All heavy atoms as atom14 arrays in JSON, in Angstrom:
{
  "sequence": "IASSSYIYIRGFGLNELAYSYFFAFNAIGMISSPT",
  "atom14_mask": [
    [1, 1, 1, 1, 1, 1, 1, 1, 0, 0, 0, 0, 0, 0],
    [1, 1, 1, 1, 1, 0, 0, 0, 0, 0, 0, 0, 0, 0],
    [1, 1, 1, 1, 1, 1, 0, 0, 0, 0, 0, 0, 0, 0],
    [1, 1, 1, 1, 1, 1, 0, 0, 0, 0, 0, 0, 0, 0],
    [1, 1, 1, 1, 1, 1, 0, 0, 0, 0, 0, 0, 0, 0],
    [1, 1, 1, 1, 1, 1, 1, 1, 1, 1, 1, 1, 0, 0],
    [1, 1, 1, 1, 1, 1, 1, 1, 0, 0, 0, 0, 0, 0],
    [1, 1, 1, 1, 1, 1, 1, 1, 1, 1, 1, 1, 0, 0],
    [1, 1, 1, 1, 1, 1, 1, 1, 0, 0, 0, 0, 0, 0],
    [1, 1, 1, 1, 1, 1, 1, 1, 1, 1, 1, 0, 0, 0],
    [1, 1, 1, 1, 0, 0, 0, 0, 0, 0, 0, 0, 0, 0],
    [1, 1, 1, 1, 1, 1, 1, 1, 1, 1, 1, 0, 0, 0],
    [1, 1, 1, 1, 0, 0, 0, 0, 0, 0, 0, 0, 0, 0],
    [1, 1, 1, 1, 1, 1, 1, 1, 0, 0, 0, 0, 0, 0],
    [1, 1, 1, 1, 1, 1, 1, 1, 0, 0, 0, 0, 0, 0],
    [1, 1, 1, 1, 1, 1, 1, 1, 1, 0, 0, 0, 0, 0],
    [1, 1, 1, 1, 1, 1, 1, 1, 0, 0, 0, 0, 0, 0],
    [1, 1, 1, 1, 1, 0, 0, 0, 0, 0, 0, 0, 0, 0],
    [1, 1, 1, 1, 1, 1, 1, 1, 1, 1, 1, 1, 0, 0],
    [1, 1, 1, 1, 1, 1, 0, 0, 0, 0, 0, 0, 0, 0],
    [1, 1, 1, 1, 1, 1, 1, 1, 1, 1, 1, 1, 0, 0],
    [1, 1, 1, 1, 1, 1, 1, 1, 1, 1, 1, 0, 0, 0],
    [1, 1, 1, 1, 1, 1, 1, 1, 1, 1, 1, 0, 0, 0],
    [1, 1, 1, 1, 1, 0, 0, 0, 0, 0, 0, 0, 0, 0],
    [1, 1, 1, 1, 1, 1, 1, 1, 1, 1, 1, 0, 0, 0],
    [1, 1, 1, 1, 1, 1, 1, 1, 0, 0, 0, 0, 0, 0],
    [1, 1, 1, 1, 1, 0, 0, 0, 0, 0, 0, 0, 0, 0],
    [1, 1, 1, 1, 1, 1, 1, 1, 0, 0, 0, 0, 0, 0],
    [1, 1, 1, 1, 0, 0, 0, 0, 0, 0, 0, 0, 0, 0],
    [1, 1, 1, 1, 1, 1, 1, 1, 0, 0, 0, 0, 0, 0],
    [1, 1, 1, 1, 1, 1, 1, 1, 0, 0, 0, 0, 0, 0],
    [1, 1, 1, 1, 1, 1, 0, 0, 0, 0, 0, 0, 0, 0],
    [1, 1, 1, 1, 1, 1, 0, 0, 0, 0, 0, 0, 0, 0],
    [1, 1, 1, 1, 1, 1, 1, 0, 0, 0, 0, 0, 0, 0],
    [1, 1, 1, 1, 1, 1, 1, 0, 0, 0, 0, 0, 0, 0]
  ],
  "atom14_positions": [
    [[24.19, -22.11, -2.56], [24.72, -23.13, -3.53], [24.13, -22.94, -4.86], [24.71, -22.88, -5.85], [24.46, -24.57, -2.99], [25.13, -24.83, -1.74], [24.72, -25.59, -4.05], [26.58, -25.1, -1.92], [0.0, 0.0, 0.0], [0.0, 0.0, 0.0], [0.0, 0.0, 0.0], [0.0, 0.0, 0.0], [0.0, 0.0, 0.0], [0.0, 0.0, 0.0]],
    [[22.72, -22.76, -4.87], [22.04, -22.68, -6.23], [22.25, -21.37, -6.89], [22.27, -21.31, -8.13], [20.49, -22.82, -5.91], [0.0, 0.0, 0.0], [0.0, 0.0, 0.0], [0.0, 0.0, 0.0], [0.0, 0.0, 0.0], [0.0, 0.0, 0.0], [0.0, 0.0, 0.0], [0.0, 0.0, 0.0], [0.0, 0.0, 0.0], [0.0, 0.0, 0.0]],
    [[22.53, -20.25, -6.05], [22.63, -18.97, -6.74], [24.07, -18.68, -7.0], [24.33, -17.66, -7.72], [21.94, -17.84, -5.83], [22.72, -17.84, -4.49], [0.0, 0.0, 0.0], [0.0, 0.0, 0.0], [0.0, 0.0, 0.0], [0.0, 0.0, 0.0], [0.0, 0.0, 0.0], [0.0, 0.0, 0.0], [0.0, 0.0, 0.0], [0.0, 0.0, 0.0]],
    [[25.12, -19.36, -6.47], [26.41, -18.85, -6.44], [26.95, -18.64, -7.85], [27.7, -17.69, -8.06], [27.33, -19.95, -5.66], [27.16, -21.22, -6.28], [0.0, 0.0, 0.0], [0.0, 0.0, 0.0], [0.0, 0.0, 0.0], [0.0, 0.0, 0.0], [0.0, 0.0, 0.0], [0.0, 0.0, 0.0], [0.0, 0.0, 0.0], [0.0, 0.0, 0.0]],
    [[26.66, -19.65, -8.76], [27.3, -19.47, -10.08], [26.72, -18.25, -10.75], [27.4, -17.55, -11.5], [26.99, -20.71, -10.9], [25.54, -21.06, -11.03], [0.0, 0.0, 0.0], [0.0, 0.0, 0.0], [0.0, 0.0, 0.0], [0.0, 0.0, 0.0], [0.0, 0.0, 0.0], [0.0, 0.0, 0.0], [0.0, 0.0, 0.0], [0.0, 0.0, 0.0]],
    [[25.32, -18.03, -10.54], [24.83, -16.82, -11.23], [25.26, -15.54, -10.51], [25.4, -14.51, -11.2], [23.22, -16.9, -11.09], [22.63, -18.01, -11.86], [22.32, -19.3, -11.15], [22.52, -18.02, -13.25], [21.78, -20.32, -11.87], [21.97, -19.19, -13.84], [21.67, -20.31, -13.26], [21.16, -21.45, -13.76], [0.0, 0.0, 0.0], [0.0, 0.0, 0.0]],
    [[25.51, -15.54, -9.32], [25.98, -14.31, -8.6], [27.45, -14.0, -9.06], [27.7, -12.84, -9.49], [25.94, -14.59, -7.11], [24.53, -14.54, -6.44], [26.84, -13.45, -6.41], [24.49, -14.79, -5.04], [0.0, 0.0, 0.0], [0.0, 0.0, 0.0], [0.0, 0.0, 0.0], [0.0, 0.0, 0.0], [0.0, 0.0, 0.0], [0.0, 0.0, 0.0]],
    [[28.29, -14.94, -9.06], [29.62, -14.74, -9.44], [29.98, -14.65, -10.92], [30.61, -13.78, -11.4], [30.53, -15.89, -8.83], [30.79, -15.72, -7.36], [30.4, -16.67, -6.58], [31.59, -14.63, -6.84], [30.55, -16.66, -5.18], [31.83, -14.58, -5.57], [31.33, -15.48, -4.62], [31.49, -15.43, -3.39], [0.0, 0.0, 0.0], [0.0, 0.0, 0.0]],
    [[29.21, -15.56, -11.7], [29.49, -15.52, -13.22], [28.72, -14.42, -13.86], [29.31, -13.67, -14.66], [29.25, -16.89, -13.74], [30.21, -17.95, -13.19], [29.41, -16.88, -15.27], [29.96, -19.35, -13.58], [0.0, 0.0, 0.0], [0.0, 0.0, 0.0], [0.0, 0.0, 0.0], [0.0, 0.0, 0.0], [0.0, 0.0, 0.0], [0.0, 0.0, 0.0]],
    [[27.38, -14.4, -13.69], [26.59, -13.46, -14.38], [26.51, -12.08, -13.66], [26.29, -11.03, -14.23], [25.25, -14.03, -14.61], [25.37, -15.26, -15.64], [24.1, -15.62, -16.18], [24.26, -16.78, -17.17], [23.3, -17.45, -17.75], [22.14, -17.24, -17.46], [23.7, -18.37, -18.68], [0.0, 0.0, 0.0], [0.0, 0.0, 0.0], [0.0, 0.0, 0.0]],
    [[26.47, -12.13, -12.32], [26.34, -10.93, -11.58], [27.71, -10.14, -11.56], [27.68, -8.91, -11.87], [0.0, 0.0, 0.0], [0.0, 0.0, 0.0], [0.0, 0.0, 0.0], [0.0, 0.0, 0.0], [0.0, 0.0, 0.0], [0.0, 0.0, 0.0], [0.0, 0.0, 0.0], [0.0, 0.0, 0.0], [0.0, 0.0, 0.0], [0.0, 0.0, 0.0]],
    [[28.78, -10.7, -11.12], [30.1, -10.04, -10.93], [30.89, -10.2, -12.23], [31.95, -9.68, -12.34], [30.81, -10.55, -9.83], [30.23, -10.28, -8.4], [29.86, -10.99, -7.62], [30.21, -8.87, -8.14], [29.26, -10.68, -6.33], [29.63, -8.33, -6.94], [29.18, -9.34, -6.02], [0.0, 0.0, 0.0], [0.0, 0.0, 0.0], [0.0, 0.0, 0.0]],
    [[30.53, -11.07, -13.28], [31.21, -11.25, -14.54], [32.43, -11.95, -14.5], [33.43, -11.78, -15.2], [0.0, 0.0, 0.0], [0.0, 0.0, 0.0], [0.0, 0.0, 0.0], [0.0, 0.0, 0.0], [0.0, 0.0, 0.0], [0.0, 0.0, 0.0], [0.0, 0.0, 0.0], [0.0, 0.0, 0.0], [0.0, 0.0, 0.0], [0.0, 0.0, 0.0]],
    [[32.59, -13.02, -13.55], [33.73, -13.81, -13.46], [33.63, -15.01, -14.43], [32.55, -15.37, -14.77], [33.87, -14.27, -12.0], [34.04, -13.22, -10.87], [34.2, -13.96, -9.55], [35.16, -12.2, -11.18], [0.0, 0.0, 0.0], [0.0, 0.0, 0.0], [0.0, 0.0, 0.0], [0.0, 0.0, 0.0], [0.0, 0.0, 0.0], [0.0, 0.0, 0.0]],
    [[34.79, -15.64, -14.71], [34.83, -16.78, -15.51], [34.54, -18.0, -14.63], [34.63, -17.78, -13.29], [36.06, -16.94, -16.37], [37.3, -17.0, -15.65], [37.42, -17.6, -14.42], [38.35, -16.51, -16.1], [0.0, 0.0, 0.0], [0.0, 0.0, 0.0], [0.0, 0.0, 0.0], [0.0, 0.0, 0.0], [0.0, 0.0, 0.0], [0.0, 0.0, 0.0]],
    [[34.42, -19.14, -15.18], [34.1, -20.35, -14.38], [35.25, -20.75, -13.43], [34.9, -21.04, -12.1], [33.87, -21.58, -15.29], [32.47, -21.61, -16.08], [32.67, -20.74, -17.43], [33.75, -20.2, -17.59], [31.65, -20.8, -18.15], [0.0, 0.0, 0.0], [0.0, 0.0, 0.0], [0.0, 0.0, 0.0], [0.0, 0.0, 0.0], [0.0, 0.0, 0.0]],
    [[36.44, -20.6, -13.75], [37.52, -20.93, -12.93], [37.64, -20.01, -11.71], [37.84, -20.36, -10.58], [38.86, -20.95, -13.65], [40.08, -21.52, -12.79], [39.75, -22.97, -12.33], [41.34, -21.54, -13.64], [0.0, 0.0, 0.0], [0.0, 0.0, 0.0], [0.0, 0.0, 0.0], [0.0, 0.0, 0.0], [0.0, 0.0, 0.0], [0.0, 0.0, 0.0]],
    [[37.51, -18.69, -11.95], [37.45, -17.64, -10.88], [36.37, -17.86, -9.97], [36.47, -17.73, -8.74], [37.38, -16.23, -11.51], [0.0, 0.0, 0.0], [0.0, 0.0, 0.0], [0.0, 0.0, 0.0], [0.0, 0.0, 0.0], [0.0, 0.0, 0.0], [0.0, 0.0, 0.0], [0.0, 0.0, 0.0], [0.0, 0.0, 0.0], [0.0, 0.0, 0.0]],
    [[35.23, -18.23, -10.53], [34.03, -18.61, -9.75], [34.3, -19.71, -8.71], [34.07, -19.61, -7.53], [32.84, -18.92, -10.53], [31.8, -19.86, -9.92], [31.07, -19.46, -8.82], [31.77, -21.17, -10.24], [30.24, -20.29, -8.17], [30.82, -22.09, -9.72], [30.01, -21.56, -8.59], [29.21, -22.47, -8.07], [0.0, 0.0, 0.0], [0.0, 0.0, 0.0]],
    [[35.04, -20.74, -9.22], [35.28, -21.92, -8.36], [36.15, -21.53, -7.26], [36.06, -22.09, -6.09], [35.86, -23.04, -9.26], [37.26, -22.7, -9.59], [0.0, 0.0, 0.0], [0.0, 0.0, 0.0], [0.0, 0.0, 0.0], [0.0, 0.0, 0.0], [0.0, 0.0, 0.0], [0.0, 0.0, 0.0], [0.0, 0.0, 0.0], [0.0, 0.0, 0.0]],
    [[37.14, -20.55, -7.37], [38.01, -20.15, -6.37], [37.24, -19.33, -5.29], [37.44, -19.56, -4.01], [39.08, -19.23, -6.86], [40.09, -20.0, -7.75], [40.74, -19.27, -8.78], [40.41, -21.34, -7.55], [41.54, -19.97, -9.66], [41.24, -21.88, -8.37], [41.89, -21.23, -9.48], [42.75, -21.87, -10.28], [0.0, 0.0, 0.0], [0.0, 0.0, 0.0]],
    [[36.29, -18.62, -5.62], [35.56, -17.81, -4.73], [34.56, -18.76, -3.89], [34.34, -18.57, -2.72], [34.58, -16.67, -5.36], [35.34, -15.28, -5.58], [35.92, -15.16, -6.82], [35.57, -14.54, -4.64], [36.64, -13.95, -7.1], [36.28, -13.35, -4.81], [36.82, -12.95, -6.08], [0.0, 0.0, 0.0], [0.0, 0.0, 0.0], [0.0, 0.0, 0.0]],
    [[34.03, -19.68, -4.62], [33.17, -20.71, -4.0], [34.03, -21.5, -2.97], [33.55, -21.76, -1.74], [32.56, -21.67, -5.05], [31.45, -22.57, -4.55], [30.2, -22.21, -4.52], [31.88, -23.85, -4.01], [29.26, -23.08, -4.09], [30.91, -24.62, -3.52], [29.62, -24.31, -3.58], [0.0, 0.0, 0.0], [0.0, 0.0, 0.0], [0.0, 0.0, 0.0]],
    [[35.19, -21.78, -3.44], [36.05, -22.59, -2.55], [36.35, -21.81, -1.25], [36.52, -22.45, -0.12], [37.46, -23.02, -3.19], [0.0, 0.0, 0.0], [0.0, 0.0, 0.0], [0.0, 0.0, 0.0], [0.0, 0.0, 0.0], [0.0, 0.0, 0.0], [0.0, 0.0, 0.0], [0.0, 0.0, 0.0], [0.0, 0.0, 0.0], [0.0, 0.0, 0.0]],
    [[36.56, -20.51, -1.36], [36.96, -19.69, -0.2], [35.82, -19.77, 0.85], [36.23, -19.99, 2.09], [37.0, -18.29, -0.69], [37.21, -17.21, 0.41], [38.33, -17.11, 1.07], [36.13, -16.48, 0.89], [38.47, -16.12, 2.18], [36.23, -15.5, 1.96], [37.44, -15.48, 2.56], [0.0, 0.0, 0.0], [0.0, 0.0, 0.0], [0.0, 0.0, 0.0]],
    [[34.58, -19.75, 0.48], [33.45, -19.92, 1.56], [33.44, -21.45, 2.01], [33.11, -21.69, 3.1], [32.16, -19.52, 0.88], [31.98, -17.99, 0.83], [32.14, -17.46, -0.16], [31.92, -17.31, 2.0], [0.0, 0.0, 0.0], [0.0, 0.0, 0.0], [0.0, 0.0, 0.0], [0.0, 0.0, 0.0], [0.0, 0.0, 0.0], [0.0, 0.0, 0.0]],
    [[33.73, -22.37, 1.05], [33.65, -23.79, 1.49], [34.65, -24.06, 2.52], [34.48, -24.92, 3.33], [33.7, -24.58, 0.24], [0.0, 0.0, 0.0], [0.0, 0.0, 0.0], [0.0, 0.0, 0.0], [0.0, 0.0, 0.0], [0.0, 0.0, 0.0], [0.0, 0.0, 0.0], [0.0, 0.0, 0.0], [0.0, 0.0, 0.0], [0.0, 0.0, 0.0]],
    [[35.88, -23.39, 2.42], [36.9, -23.6, 3.36], [36.43, -23.33, 4.83], [36.75, -23.99, 5.8], [38.13, -22.78, 3.05], [38.92, -23.39, 1.81], [39.13, -22.79, 4.22], [40.0, -22.5, 1.24], [0.0, 0.0, 0.0], [0.0, 0.0, 0.0], [0.0, 0.0, 0.0], [0.0, 0.0, 0.0], [0.0, 0.0, 0.0], [0.0, 0.0, 0.0]],
    [[35.48, -22.32, 4.83], [34.85, -21.98, 6.12], [34.07, -23.06, 6.64], [34.08, -23.42, 7.86], [0.0, 0.0, 0.0], [0.0, 0.0, 0.0], [0.0, 0.0, 0.0], [0.0, 0.0, 0.0], [0.0, 0.0, 0.0], [0.0, 0.0, 0.0], [0.0, 0.0, 0.0], [0.0, 0.0, 0.0], [0.0, 0.0, 0.0], [0.0, 0.0, 0.0]],
    [[33.34, -23.78, 5.67], [32.5, -24.86, 6.11], [33.39, -25.98, 6.59], [33.08, -26.76, 7.59], [31.65, -25.33, 4.88], [30.5, -24.52, 4.57], [29.44, -25.23, 3.41], [30.35, -25.15, 1.92], [0.0, 0.0, 0.0], [0.0, 0.0, 0.0], [0.0, 0.0, 0.0], [0.0, 0.0, 0.0], [0.0, 0.0, 0.0], [0.0, 0.0, 0.0]],
    [[34.44, -26.22, 5.93], [35.46, -27.4, 6.35], [36.01, -27.11, 7.78], [36.11, -28.13, 8.6], [36.6, -27.5, 5.4], [36.08, -28.01, 3.97], [37.73, -28.37, 5.89], [37.19, -27.95, 2.94], [0.0, 0.0, 0.0], [0.0, 0.0, 0.0], [0.0, 0.0, 0.0], [0.0, 0.0, 0.0], [0.0, 0.0, 0.0], [0.0, 0.0, 0.0]],
    [[36.17, -25.89, 8.09], [36.78, -25.6, 9.46], [35.81, -25.64, 10.59], [36.19, -25.73, 11.68], [37.45, -24.22, 9.38], [36.46, -23.19, 9.28], [0.0, 0.0, 0.0], [0.0, 0.0, 0.0], [0.0, 0.0, 0.0], [0.0, 0.0, 0.0], [0.0, 0.0, 0.0], [0.0, 0.0, 0.0], [0.0, 0.0, 0.0], [0.0, 0.0, 0.0]],
    [[34.51, -25.62, 10.2], [33.43, -25.46, 11.16], [33.41, -26.66, 12.19], [33.17, -26.36, 13.48], [32.07, -25.2, 10.6], [31.69, -26.21, 9.63], [0.0, 0.0, 0.0], [0.0, 0.0, 0.0], [0.0, 0.0, 0.0], [0.0, 0.0, 0.0], [0.0, 0.0, 0.0], [0.0, 0.0, 0.0], [0.0, 0.0, 0.0], [0.0, 0.0, 0.0]],
    [[33.53, -27.88, 11.88], [33.41, -29.03, 12.78], [34.67, -28.79, 13.85], [34.49, -29.11, 14.96], [33.59, -30.23, 12.04], [32.97, -29.92, 10.69], [33.42, -28.5, 10.49], [0.0, 0.0, 0.0], [0.0, 0.0, 0.0], [0.0, 0.0, 0.0], [0.0, 0.0, 0.0], [0.0, 0.0, 0.0], [0.0, 0.0, 0.0], [0.0, 0.0, 0.0]],
    [[35.79, -28.46, 13.26], [36.92, -28.31, 14.07], [36.82, -27.11, 15.13], [37.24, -27.28, 16.28], [38.19, -28.1, 13.29], [38.36, -29.25, 12.44], [39.49, -27.97, 14.14], [0.0, 0.0, 0.0], [0.0, 0.0, 0.0], [0.0, 0.0, 0.0], [0.0, 0.0, 0.0], [0.0, 0.0, 0.0], [0.0, 0.0, 0.0], [0.0, 0.0, 0.0]]
  ]
}
């Protein structure tokens, strides 16, 4: 969580909106985990 914005925005050079999509991709995995 703490490093994600730096990894995607400054590490991979993505903009803020693109970063949010990648973050959401992994968060969808978290949502599915209880099910």
